[in-house]
């Protein structure tokens, strides 16, 4: 860990990657941000991850368009694959299916 505190989830993972990689016999790692919705069923998410042979799985929730400026936004296709991502500040983008 550097002398600085974590700057978001990705930085926390990066600063601790050595300890994640040092554990033997681990097939999957679940990384959650501090503001994550903990009512999610992680078993179902892991099962889908395994069943689809995904390299990475991202758990997200759908939010109304007017709330998008507060969240990162993913553009997904009909199969659920992420096609684009960005941090929205304008509130004009939303996760597929959200009311506009």
PDB file of N, CA and C in Angstrom:
ATOM      1  N   UNK A   1       0.849  -1.183   0.000  1.00  0.00           N
ATOM      2  CA  UNK A   1       0.000   0.000   0.000  1.00  0.00           C
ATOM      3  C   UNK A   1       0.885   1.233   0.000  1.00  0.00           C
ATOM      4  N   UNK A   2       0.478   2.226  -0.733  1.00  0.00           N
ATOM      5  CA  UNK A   2       1.249   3.458  -0.783  1.00  0.00           C
ATOM      6  C   UNK A   2       0.944   4.302   0.445  1.00  0.00           C
ATOM      7  N   UNK A   3       1.575   5.456   0.519  1.00  0.00           N
ATOM      8  CA  UNK A   3       1.339   6.350   1.659  1.00  0.00           C
ATOM      9  C   UNK A   3      -0.023   7.030   1.576  1.00  0.00           C
ATOM     10  N   UNK A   4      -0.694   6.910   0.447  1.00  0.00           N
ATOM     11  CA  UNK A   4      -1.995   7.543   0.261  1.00  0.00           C
ATOM     12  C   UNK A   4      -3.117   6.541   0.497  1.00  0.00           C
ATOM     13  N   UNK A   5      -4.233   7.033   0.970  1.00  0.00           N
ATOM     14  CA  UNK A   5      -5.400   6.182   1.172  1.00  0.00           C
ATOM     15  C   UNK A   5      -5.986   5.844  -0.192  1.00  0.00           C
ATOM     16  N   UNK A   6      -6.881   4.907  -0.248  1.00  0.00           N
ATOM     17  CA  UNK A   6      -7.452   4.455  -1.509  1.00  0.00           C
ATOM     18  C   UNK A   6      -8.238   5.554  -2.214  1.00  0.00           C
ATOM     19  N   UNK A   7      -8.105   5.583  -3.523  1.00  0.00           N
ATOM     20  CA  UNK A   7      -8.857   6.515  -4.364  1.00  0.00           C
ATOM     21  C   UNK A   7      -9.837   5.679  -5.177  1.00  0.00           C
ATOM     22  N   UNK A   8     -10.867   5.182  -4.533  1.00  0.00           N
ATOM     23  CA  UNK A   8     -11.876   4.374  -5.203  1.00  0.00           C
ATOM     24  C   UNK A   8     -11.581   2.890  -5.137  1.00  0.00           C
ATOM     25  N   UNK A   9     -12.539   2.121  -5.611  1.00  0.00           N
ATOM     26  CA  UNK A   9     -12.450   0.668  -5.553  1.00  0.00           C
ATOM     27  C   UNK A   9     -11.310   0.129  -6.406  1.00  0.00           C
ATOM     28  N   UNK A  10     -11.164   0.625  -7.630  1.00  0.00           N
ATOM     29  CA  UNK A  10     -10.109   0.118  -8.515  1.00  0.00           C
ATOM     30  C   UNK A  10      -8.731   0.333  -7.902  1.00  0.00           C
ATOM     31  N   UNK A  11      -8.522   1.472  -7.271  1.00  0.00           N
ATOM     32  CA  UNK A  11      -7.239   1.746  -6.627  1.00  0.00           C
ATOM     33  C   UNK A  11      -7.020   0.819  -5.431  1.00  0.00           C
ATOM     34  N   UNK A  12      -8.060   0.549  -4.688  1.00  0.00           N
ATOM     35  CA  UNK A  12      -7.939  -0.369  -3.549  1.00  0.00           C
ATOM     36  C   UNK A  12      -7.561  -1.766  -4.026  1.00  0.00           C
ATOM     37  N   UNK A  13      -8.178  -2.208  -5.118  1.00  0.00           N
ATOM     38  CA  UNK A  13      -7.829  -3.520  -5.685  1.00  0.00           C
ATOM     39  C   UNK A  13      -6.374  -3.507  -6.139  1.00  0.00           C
ATOM     40  N   UNK A  14      -5.978  -2.466  -6.858  1.00  0.00           N
ATOM     41  CA  UNK A  14      -4.613  -2.369  -7.371  1.00  0.00           C
ATOM     42  C   UNK A  14      -3.598  -2.410  -6.233  1.00  0.00           C
ATOM     43  N   UNK A  15      -3.857  -1.656  -5.158  1.00  0.00           N
ATOM     44  CA  UNK A  15      -2.906  -1.605  -4.050  1.00  0.00           C
ATOM     45  C   UNK A  15      -2.843  -2.915  -3.270  1.00  0.00           C
ATOM     46  N   UNK A  16      -3.849  -3.749  -3.402  1.00  0.00           N
ATOM     47  CA  UNK A  16      -3.877  -5.010  -2.664  1.00  0.00           C
ATOM     48  C   UNK A  16      -3.820  -6.236  -3.572  1.00  0.00           C
ATOM     49  N   UNK A  17      -3.527  -6.022  -4.843  1.00  0.00           N
ATOM     50  CA  UNK A  17      -3.488  -7.122  -5.803  1.00  0.00           C
ATOM     51  C   UNK A  17      -2.500  -8.208  -5.386  1.00  0.00           C
ATOM     52  N   UNK A  18      -1.394  -7.809  -4.787  1.00  0.00           N
ATOM     53  CA  UNK A  18      -0.397  -8.778  -4.349  1.00  0.00           C
ATOM     54  C   UNK A  18      -0.994  -9.778  -3.356  1.00  0.00           C
ATOM     55  N   UNK A  19      -1.866  -9.324  -2.464  1.00  0.00           N
ATOM     56  CA  UNK A  19      -2.436 -10.238  -1.473  1.00  0.00           C
ATOM     57  C   UNK A  19      -3.537 -11.104  -2.082  1.00  0.00           C
ATOM     58  N   UNK A  20      -4.253 -10.586  -3.072  1.00  0.00           N
ATOM     59  CA  UNK A  20      -5.279 -11.375  -3.759  1.00  0.00           C
ATOM     60  C   UNK A  20      -4.601 -12.487  -4.555  1.00  0.00           C
ATOM     61  N   UNK A  21      -3.544 -12.148  -5.261  1.00  0.00           N
ATOM     62  CA  UNK A  21      -2.849 -13.117  -6.116  1.00  0.00           C
ATOM     63  C   UNK A  21      -2.063 -14.154  -5.299  1.00  0.00           C
ATOM     64  N   UNK A  22      -1.742 -13.857  -4.051  1.00  0.00           N
ATOM     65  CA  UNK A  22      -0.936 -14.760  -3.229  1.00  0.00           C
ATOM     66  C   UNK A  22      -1.724 -15.944  -2.684  1.00  0.00           C
ATOM     67  N   UNK A  23      -3.041 -15.869  -2.719  1.00  0.00           N
ATOM     68  CA  UNK A  23      -3.871 -16.938  -2.165  1.00  0.00           C
ATOM     69  C   UNK A  23      -3.972 -18.068  -3.187  1.00  0.00           C
ATOM     70  N   UNK A  24      -3.598 -19.268  -2.763  1.00  0.00           N
ATOM     71  CA  UNK A  24      -3.643 -20.426  -3.659  1.00  0.00           C
ATOM     72  C   UNK A  24      -4.996 -21.120  -3.579  1.00  0.00           C
ATOM     73  N   UNK A  25      -5.413 -21.725  -4.676  1.00  0.00           N
ATOM     74  CA  UNK A  25      -6.638 -22.510  -4.693  1.00  0.00           C
ATOM     75  C   UNK A  25      -7.912 -21.694  -4.803  1.00  0.00           C
ATOM     76  N   UNK A  26      -7.804 -20.422  -5.092  1.00  0.00           N
ATOM     77  CA  UNK A  26      -8.983 -19.570  -5.234  1.00  0.00           C
ATOM     78  C   UNK A  26      -9.336 -19.478  -6.715  1.00  0.00           C
ATOM     79  N   UNK A  27     -10.584 -19.796  -7.035  1.00  0.00           N
ATOM     80  CA  UNK A  27     -11.023 -19.743  -8.426  1.00  0.00           C
ATOM     81  C   UNK A  27     -11.734 -18.448  -8.768  1.00  0.00           C
ATOM     82  N   UNK A  28     -12.346 -17.806  -7.772  1.00  0.00           N
ATOM     83  CA  UNK A  28     -13.134 -16.607  -8.016  1.00  0.00           C
ATOM     84  C   UNK A  28     -12.866 -15.579  -6.923  1.00  0.00           C
ATOM     85  N   UNK A  29     -12.897 -14.310  -7.300  1.00  0.00           N
ATOM     86  CA  UNK A  29     -12.739 -13.218  -6.345  1.00  0.00           C
ATOM     87  C   UNK A  29     -13.910 -12.268  -6.539  1.00  0.00           C
ATOM     88  N   UNK A  30     -14.580 -11.927  -5.455  1.00  0.00           N
ATOM     89  CA  UNK A  30     -15.687 -10.986  -5.485  1.00  0.00           C
ATOM     90  C   UNK A  30     -15.185  -9.661  -4.943  1.00  0.00           C
ATOM     91  N   UNK A  31     -15.260  -8.628  -5.768  1.00  0.00           N
ATOM     92  CA  UNK A  31     -14.803  -7.295  -5.376  1.00  0.00           C
ATOM     93  C   UNK A  31     -16.016  -6.388  -5.310  1.00  0.00           C
ATOM     94  N   UNK A  32     -16.220  -5.766  -4.164  1.00  0.00           N
ATOM     95  CA  UNK A  32     -17.364  -4.877  -3.964  1.00  0.00           C
ATOM     96  C   UNK A  32     -16.881  -3.489  -3.593  1.00  0.00           C
ATOM     97  N   UNK A  33     -17.548  -2.478  -4.120  1.00  0.00           N
ATOM     98  CA  UNK A  33     -17.228  -1.117  -3.719  1.00  0.00           C
ATOM     99  C   UNK A  33     -17.911  -0.822  -2.386  1.00  0.00           C
ATOM    100  N   UNK A  34     -17.450   0.213  -1.726  1.00  0.00           N
ATOM    101  CA  UNK A  34     -17.990   0.559  -0.417  1.00  0.00           C
ATOM    102  C   UNK A  34     -19.450   0.946  -0.444  1.00  0.00           C
ATOM    103  N   UNK A  35     -19.946   1.417  -1.567  1.00  0.00           N
ATOM    104  CA  UNK A  35     -21.343   1.852  -1.649  1.00  0.00           C
ATOM    105  C   UNK A  35     -22.219   0.839  -2.378  1.00  0.00           C
ATOM    106  N   UNK A  36     -21.753  -0.398  -2.451  1.00  0.00           N
ATOM    107  CA  UNK A  36     -22.480  -1.435  -3.180  1.00  0.00           C
ATOM    108  C   UNK A  36     -23.792  -1.797  -2.485  1.00  0.00           C
ATOM    109  N   UNK A  37     -24.740  -2.267  -3.246  1.00  0.00           N
ATOM    110  CA  UNK A  37     -26.014  -2.736  -2.712  1.00  0.00           C
ATOM    111  C   UNK A  37     -25.808  -4.169  -2.242  1.00  0.00           C
ATOM    112  N   UNK A  38     -25.770  -4.372  -0.943  1.00  0.00           N
ATOM    113  CA  UNK A  38     -25.422  -5.678  -0.397  1.00  0.00           C
ATOM    114  C   UNK A  38     -26.583  -6.663  -0.345  1.00  0.00           C
ATOM    115  N   UNK A  39     -27.755  -6.291  -0.833  1.00  0.00           N
ATOM    116  CA  UNK A  39     -28.882  -7.205  -0.863  1.00  0.00           C
ATOM    117  C   UNK A  39     -28.861  -8.078  -2.111  1.00  0.00           C
ATOM    118  N   UNK A  40     -27.854  -7.935  -2.932  1.00  0.00           N
ATOM    119  CA  UNK A  40     -27.745  -8.726  -4.147  1.00  0.00           C
ATOM    120  C   UNK A  40     -27.449 -10.179  -3.782  1.00  0.00           C
ATOM    121  N   UNK A  41     -28.005 -11.108  -4.561  1.00  0.00           N
ATOM    122  CA  UNK A  41     -27.768 -12.531  -4.358  1.00  0.00           C
ATOM    123  C   UNK A  41     -26.485 -12.900  -5.099  1.00  0.00           C
ATOM    124  N   UNK A  42     -25.378 -12.963  -4.402  1.00  0.00           N
ATOM    125  CA  UNK A  42     -24.094 -13.217  -5.040  1.00  0.00           C
ATOM    126  C   UNK A  42     -23.974 -14.644  -5.547  1.00  0.00           C
ATOM    127  N   UNK A  43     -24.689 -15.580  -4.962  1.00  0.00           N
ATOM    128  CA  UNK A  43     -24.675 -16.951  -5.465  1.00  0.00           C
ATOM    129  C   UNK A  43     -25.214 -16.991  -6.888  1.00  0.00           C
ATOM    130  N   UNK A  44     -26.329 -16.321  -7.133  1.00  0.00           N
ATOM    131  CA  UNK A  44     -26.910 -16.293  -8.483  1.00  0.00           C
ATOM    132  C   UNK A  44     -25.947 -15.638  -9.464  1.00  0.00           C
ATOM    133  N   UNK A  45     -25.290 -14.582  -9.033  1.00  0.00           N
ATOM    134  CA  UNK A  45     -24.344 -13.887  -9.900  1.00  0.00           C
ATOM    135  C   UNK A  45     -23.160 -14.804 -10.227  1.00  0.00           C
ATOM    136  N   UNK A  46     -22.634 -15.504  -9.233  1.00  0.00           N
ATOM    137  CA  UNK A  46     -21.520 -16.418  -9.470  1.00  0.00           C
ATOM    138  C   UNK A  46     -21.944 -17.573 -10.373  1.00  0.00           C
ATOM    139  N   UNK A  47     -23.133 -18.106 -10.157  1.00  0.00           N
ATOM    140  CA  UNK A  47     -23.633 -19.203 -10.996  1.00  0.00           C
ATOM    141  C   UNK A  47     -23.726 -18.764 -12.456  1.00  0.00           C
ATOM    142  N   UNK A  48     -24.259 -17.580 -12.700  1.00  0.00           N
ATOM    143  CA  UNK A  48     -24.338 -17.086 -14.078  1.00  0.00           C
ATOM    144  C   UNK A  48     -22.946 -16.889 -14.656  1.00  0.00           C
ATOM    145  N   UNK A  49     -22.039 -16.382 -13.846  1.00  0.00           N
ATOM    146  CA  UNK A  49     -20.654 -16.189 -14.277  1.00  0.00           C
ATOM    147  C   UNK A  49     -20.057 -17.523 -14.750  1.00  0.00           C
ATOM    148  N   UNK A  50     -20.262 -18.561 -13.970  1.00  0.00           N
ATOM    149  CA  UNK A  50     -19.733 -19.895 -14.309  1.00  0.00           C
ATOM    150  C   UNK A  50     -20.462 -20.467 -15.522  1.00  0.00           C
ATOM    151  N   UNK A  51     -21.786 -20.388 -15.520  1.00  0.00           N
ATOM    152  CA  UNK A  51     -22.582 -20.963 -16.605  1.00  0.00           C
ATOM    153  C   UNK A  51     -22.271 -20.337 -17.963  1.00  0.00           C
ATOM    154  N   UNK A  52     -21.963 -19.040 -17.976  1.00  0.00           N
ATOM    155  CA  UNK A  52     -21.671 -18.352 -19.237  1.00  0.00           C
ATOM    156  C   UNK A  52     -20.179 -18.334 -19.557  1.00  0.00           C
ATOM    157  N   UNK A  53     -19.376 -18.908 -18.675  1.00  0.00           N
ATOM    158  CA  UNK A  53     -17.921 -18.939 -18.827  1.00  0.00           C
ATOM    159  C   UNK A  53     -17.349 -17.541 -19.034  1.00  0.00           C
ATOM    160  N   UNK A  54     -17.870 -16.603 -18.268  1.00  0.00           N
ATOM    161  CA  UNK A  54     -17.433 -15.206 -18.384  1.00  0.00           C
ATOM    162  C   UNK A  54     -16.024 -15.035 -17.827  1.00  0.00           C
ATOM    163  N   UNK A  55     -15.301 -14.079 -18.376  1.00  0.00           N
ATOM    164  CA  UNK A  55     -13.997 -13.710 -17.825  1.00  0.00           C
ATOM    165  C   UNK A  55     -14.173 -12.794 -16.620  1.00  0.00           C
ATOM    166  N   UNK A  56     -15.192 -11.952 -16.689  1.00  0.00           N
ATOM    167  CA  UNK A  56     -15.482 -11.009 -15.608  1.00  0.00           C
ATOM    168  C   UNK A  56     -16.992 -10.780 -15.582  1.00  0.00           C
ATOM    169  N   UNK A  57     -17.537 -10.584 -14.407  1.00  0.00           N
ATOM    170  CA  UNK A  57     -18.956 -10.293 -14.243  1.00  0.00           C
ATOM    171  C   UNK A  57     -19.093  -9.035 -13.402  1.00  0.00           C
ATOM    172  N   UNK A  58     -19.959  -8.142 -13.827  1.00  0.00           N
ATOM    173  CA  UNK A  58     -20.176  -6.884 -13.125  1.00  0.00           C
ATOM    174  C   UNK A  58     -21.607  -6.854 -12.613  1.00  0.00           C
ATOM    175  N   UNK A  59     -21.767  -6.660 -11.317  1.00  0.00           N
ATOM    176  CA  UNK A  59     -23.101  -6.532 -10.732  1.00  0.00           C
ATOM    177  C   UNK A  59     -23.516  -5.074 -10.719  1.00  0.00           C
ATOM    178  N   UNK A  60     -24.659  -4.781 -11.303  1.00  0.00           N
ATOM    179  CA  UNK A  60     -25.155  -3.405 -11.355  1.00  0.00           C
ATOM    180  C   UNK A  60     -26.645  -3.402 -11.035  1.00  0.00           C
ATOM    181  N   UNK A  61     -27.147  -2.226 -10.778  1.00  0.00           N
ATOM    182  CA  UNK A  61     -28.583  -2.057 -10.621  1.00  0.00           C
ATOM    183  C   UNK A  61     -29.062  -1.022 -11.616  1.00  0.00           C
ATOM    184  N   UNK A  62     -30.302  -1.139 -12.014  1.00  0.00           N
ATOM    185  CA  UNK A  62     -30.900  -0.181 -12.937  1.00  0.00           C
ATOM    186  C   UNK A  62     -31.319   1.052 -12.150  1.00  0.00           C
ATOM    187  N   UNK A  63     -31.024   2.220 -12.693  1.00  0.00           N
ATOM    188  CA  UNK A  63     -31.407   3.475 -12.044  1.00  0.00           C
ATOM    189  C   UNK A  63     -32.159   4.348 -13.035  1.00  0.00           C
ATOM    190  N   UNK A  64     -33.046   5.198 -12.536  1.00  0.00           N
ATOM    191  CA  UNK A  64     -33.755   6.123 -13.429  1.00  0.00           C
ATOM    192  C   UNK A  64     -32.781   7.097 -14.093  1.00  0.00           C
ATOM    193  N   UNK A  65     -33.138   7.571 -15.268  1.00  0.00           N
ATOM    194  CA  UNK A  65     -32.275   8.470 -16.036  1.00  0.00           C
ATOM    195  C   UNK A  65     -31.862   9.689 -15.230  1.00  0.00           C
ATOM    196  N   UNK A  66     -32.769  10.221 -14.411  1.00  0.00           N
ATOM    197  CA  UNK A  66     -32.437  11.433 -13.654  1.00  0.00           C
ATOM    198  C   UNK A  66     -31.392  11.184 -12.569  1.00  0.00           C
ATOM    199  N   UNK A  67     -31.107   9.926 -12.250  1.00  0.00           N
ATOM    200  CA  UNK A  67     -30.103   9.594 -11.233  1.00  0.00           C
ATOM    201  C   UNK A  67     -28.743   9.246 -11.833  1.00  0.00           C
ATOM    202  N   UNK A  68     -28.660   9.158 -13.137  1.00  0.00           N
ATOM    203  CA  UNK A  68     -27.436   8.670 -13.784  1.00  0.00           C
ATOM    204  C   UNK A  68     -26.212   9.536 -13.536  1.00  0.00           C
ATOM    205  N   UNK A  69     -26.397  10.806 -13.294  1.00  0.00           N
ATOM    206  CA  UNK A  69     -25.249  11.679 -13.066  1.00  0.00           C
ATOM    207  C   UNK A  69     -24.500  11.289 -11.795  1.00  0.00           C
ATOM    208  N   UNK A  70     -25.127  10.538 -10.918  1.00  0.00           N
ATOM    209  CA  UNK A  70     -24.517  10.129  -9.656  1.00  0.00           C
ATOM    210  C   UNK A  70     -23.779   8.797  -9.759  1.00  0.00           C
ATOM    211  N   UNK A  71     -23.887   8.115 -10.890  1.00  0.00           N
ATOM    212  CA  UNK A  71     -23.339   6.767 -11.014  1.00  0.00           C
ATOM    213  C   UNK A  71     -22.520   6.611 -12.288  1.00  0.00           C
ATOM    214  N   UNK A  72     -21.687   5.585 -12.315  1.00  0.00           N
ATOM    215  CA  UNK A  72     -21.095   5.170 -13.575  1.00  0.00           C
ATOM    216  C   UNK A  72     -22.189   4.507 -14.391  1.00  0.00           C
ATOM    217  N   UNK A  73     -22.122   4.636 -15.696  1.00  0.00           N
ATOM    218  CA  UNK A  73     -23.176   4.133 -16.572  1.00  0.00           C
ATOM    219  C   UNK A  73     -22.589   3.093 -17.519  1.00  0.00           C
ATOM    220  N   UNK A  74     -23.288   1.961 -17.659  1.00  0.00           N
ATOM    221  CA  UNK A  74     -22.883   0.919 -18.588  1.00  0.00           C
ATOM    222  C   UNK A  74     -23.876   0.848 -19.725  1.00  0.00           C
ATOM    223  N   UNK A  75     -23.376   0.673 -20.926  1.00  0.00           N
ATOM    224  CA  UNK A  75     -24.234   0.397 -22.072  1.00  0.00           C
ATOM    225  C   UNK A  75     -24.096  -1.095 -22.338  1.00  0.00           C
ATOM    226  N   UNK A  76     -25.232  -1.816 -22.278  1.00  0.00           N
ATOM    227  CA  UNK A  76     -25.198  -3.251 -22.468  1.00  0.00           C
ATOM    228  C   UNK A  76     -26.048  -3.637 -23.666  1.00  0.00           C
ATOM    229  N   UNK A  77     -25.684  -4.766 -24.286  1.00  0.00           N
ATOM    230  CA  UNK A  77     -26.471  -5.238 -25.422  1.00  0.00           C
ATOM    231  C   UNK A  77     -27.543  -6.218 -24.936  1.00  0.00           C
ATOM    232  N   UNK A  78     -28.289  -6.788 -25.860  1.00  0.00           N
ATOM    233  CA  UNK A  78     -29.394  -7.676 -25.501  1.00  0.00           C
ATOM    234  C   UNK A  78     -28.945  -8.950 -24.790  1.00  0.00           C
ATOM    235  N   UNK A  79     -27.688  -9.337 -24.961  1.00  0.00           N
ATOM    236  CA  UNK A  79     -27.189 -10.540 -24.288  1.00  0.00           C
ATOM    237  C   UNK A  79     -26.617 -10.228 -22.907  1.00  0.00           C
ATOM    238  N   UNK A  80     -26.595  -8.936 -22.541  1.00  0.00           N
ATOM    239  CA  UNK A  80     -26.079  -8.538 -21.236  1.00  0.00           C
ATOM    240  C   UNK A  80     -24.602  -8.195 -21.232  1.00  0.00           C
ATOM    241  N   UNK A  81     -23.972  -8.189 -22.401  1.00  0.00           N
ATOM    242  CA  UNK A  81     -22.554  -7.839 -22.477  1.00  0.00           C
ATOM    243  C   UNK A  81     -22.375  -6.325 -22.468  1.00  0.00           C
ATOM    244  N   UNK A  82     -21.353  -5.874 -21.741  1.00  0.00           N
ATOM    245  CA  UNK A  82     -21.052  -4.447 -21.663  1.00  0.00           C
ATOM    246  C   UNK A  82     -20.413  -4.017 -22.972  1.00  0.00           C
ATOM    247  N   UNK A  83     -20.971  -2.985 -23.591  1.00  0.00           N
ATOM    248  CA  UNK A  83     -20.438  -2.459 -24.852  1.00  0.00           C
ATOM    249  C   UNK A  83     -19.764  -1.108 -24.663  1.00  0.00           C
ATOM    250  N   UNK A  84     -20.081  -0.411 -23.581  1.00  0.00           N
ATOM    251  CA  UNK A  84     -19.446   0.878 -23.286  1.00  0.00           C
ATOM    252  C   UNK A  84     -19.674   1.189 -21.818  1.00  0.00           C
ATOM    253  N   UNK A  85     -18.784   1.994 -21.262  1.00  0.00           N
ATOM    254  CA  UNK A  85     -18.962   2.450 -19.888  1.00  0.00           C
ATOM    255  C   UNK A  85     -18.397   3.847 -19.767  1.00  0.00           C
ATOM    256  N   UNK A  86     -18.992   4.607 -18.873  1.00  0.00           N
ATOM    257  CA  UNK A  86     -18.451   5.936 -18.595  1.00  0.00           C
ATOM    258  C   UNK A  86     -19.084   6.501 -17.344  1.00  0.00           C
ATOM    259  N   UNK A  87     -18.406   7.456 -16.817  1.00  0.00           N
ATOM    260  CA  UNK A  87     -18.889   8.185 -15.654  1.00  0.00           C
ATOM    261  C   UNK A  87     -19.728   9.327 -16.192  1.00  0.00           C
ATOM    262  N   UNK A  88     -21.034   9.276 -15.969  1.00  0.00           N
ATOM    263  CA  UNK A  88     -21.930  10.292 -16.511  1.00  0.00           C
ATOM    264  C   UNK A  88     -22.098  11.428 -15.525  1.00  0.00           C
ATOM    265  N   UNK A  89     -21.933  12.629 -15.995  1.00  0.00           N
ATOM    266  CA  UNK A  89     -22.154  13.816 -15.172  1.00  0.00           C
ATOM    267  C   UNK A  89     -23.369  14.599 -15.655  1.00  0.00           C
ATOM    268  N   UNK A  90     -23.826  14.305 -16.872  1.00  0.00           N
ATOM    269  CA  UNK A  90     -24.896  15.100 -17.469  1.00  0.00           C
ATOM    270  C   UNK A  90     -26.287  14.617 -17.094  1.00  0.00           C
ATOM    271  N   UNK A  91     -26.400  13.338 -16.726  1.00  0.00           N
ATOM    272  CA  UNK A  91     -27.712  12.780 -16.430  1.00  0.00           C
ATOM    273  C   UNK A  91     -28.488  12.398 -17.681  1.00  0.00           C
ATOM    274  N   UNK A  92     -27.853  12.487 -18.866  1.00  0.00           N
ATOM    275  CA  UNK A  92     -28.551  12.168 -20.112  1.00  0.00           C
ATOM    276  C   UNK A  92     -28.456  10.701 -20.485  1.00  0.00           C
ATOM    277  N   UNK A  93     -27.588   9.949 -19.859  1.00  0.00           N
ATOM    278  CA  UNK A  93     -27.427   8.534 -20.190  1.00  0.00           C
ATOM    279  C   UNK A  93     -28.000   7.672 -19.084  1.00  0.00           C
ATOM    280  N   UNK A  94     -28.522   6.532 -19.454  1.00  0.00           N
ATOM    281  CA  UNK A  94     -29.057   5.642 -18.434  1.00  0.00           C
ATOM    282  C   UNK A  94     -28.767   4.200 -18.795  1.00  0.00           C
ATOM    283  N   UNK A  95     -28.876   3.344 -17.825  1.00  0.00           N
ATOM    284  CA  UNK A  95     -28.740   1.916 -18.062  1.00  0.00           C
ATOM    285  C   UNK A  95     -29.961   1.461 -18.852  1.00  0.00           C
ATOM    286  N   UNK A  96     -29.766   0.536 -19.783  1.00  0.00           N
ATOM    287  CA  UNK A  96     -30.831   0.048 -20.664  1.00  0.00           C
ATOM    288  C   UNK A  96     -32.095  -0.255 -19.874  1.00  0.00           C
ATOM    289  N   UNK A  97     -33.219   0.189 -20.393  1.00  0.00           N
ATOM    290  CA  UNK A  97     -34.516  -0.110 -19.802  1.00  0.00           C
ATOM    291  C   UNK A  97     -34.979   0.897 -18.774  1.00  0.00           C
ATOM    292  N   UNK A  98     -34.133   1.819 -18.364  1.00  0.00           N
ATOM    293  CA  UNK A  98     -34.530   2.808 -17.358  1.00  0.00           C
ATOM    294  C   UNK A  98     -35.462   3.827 -18.009  1.00  0.00           C
ATOM    295  N   UNK A  99     -36.415   4.359 -17.251  1.00  0.00           N
ATOM    296  CA  UNK A  99     -37.283   5.380 -17.819  1.00  0.00           C
ATOM    297  C   UNK A  99     -36.501   6.613 -18.219  1.00  0.00           C
ATOM    298  N   UNK A 100     -36.867   7.211 -19.331  1.00  0.00           N
ATOM    299  CA  UNK A 100     -36.153   8.406 -19.796  1.00  0.00           C
ATOM    300  C   UNK A 100     -36.982   9.648 -19.599  1.00  0.00           C
TER     301      UNK A 100
END
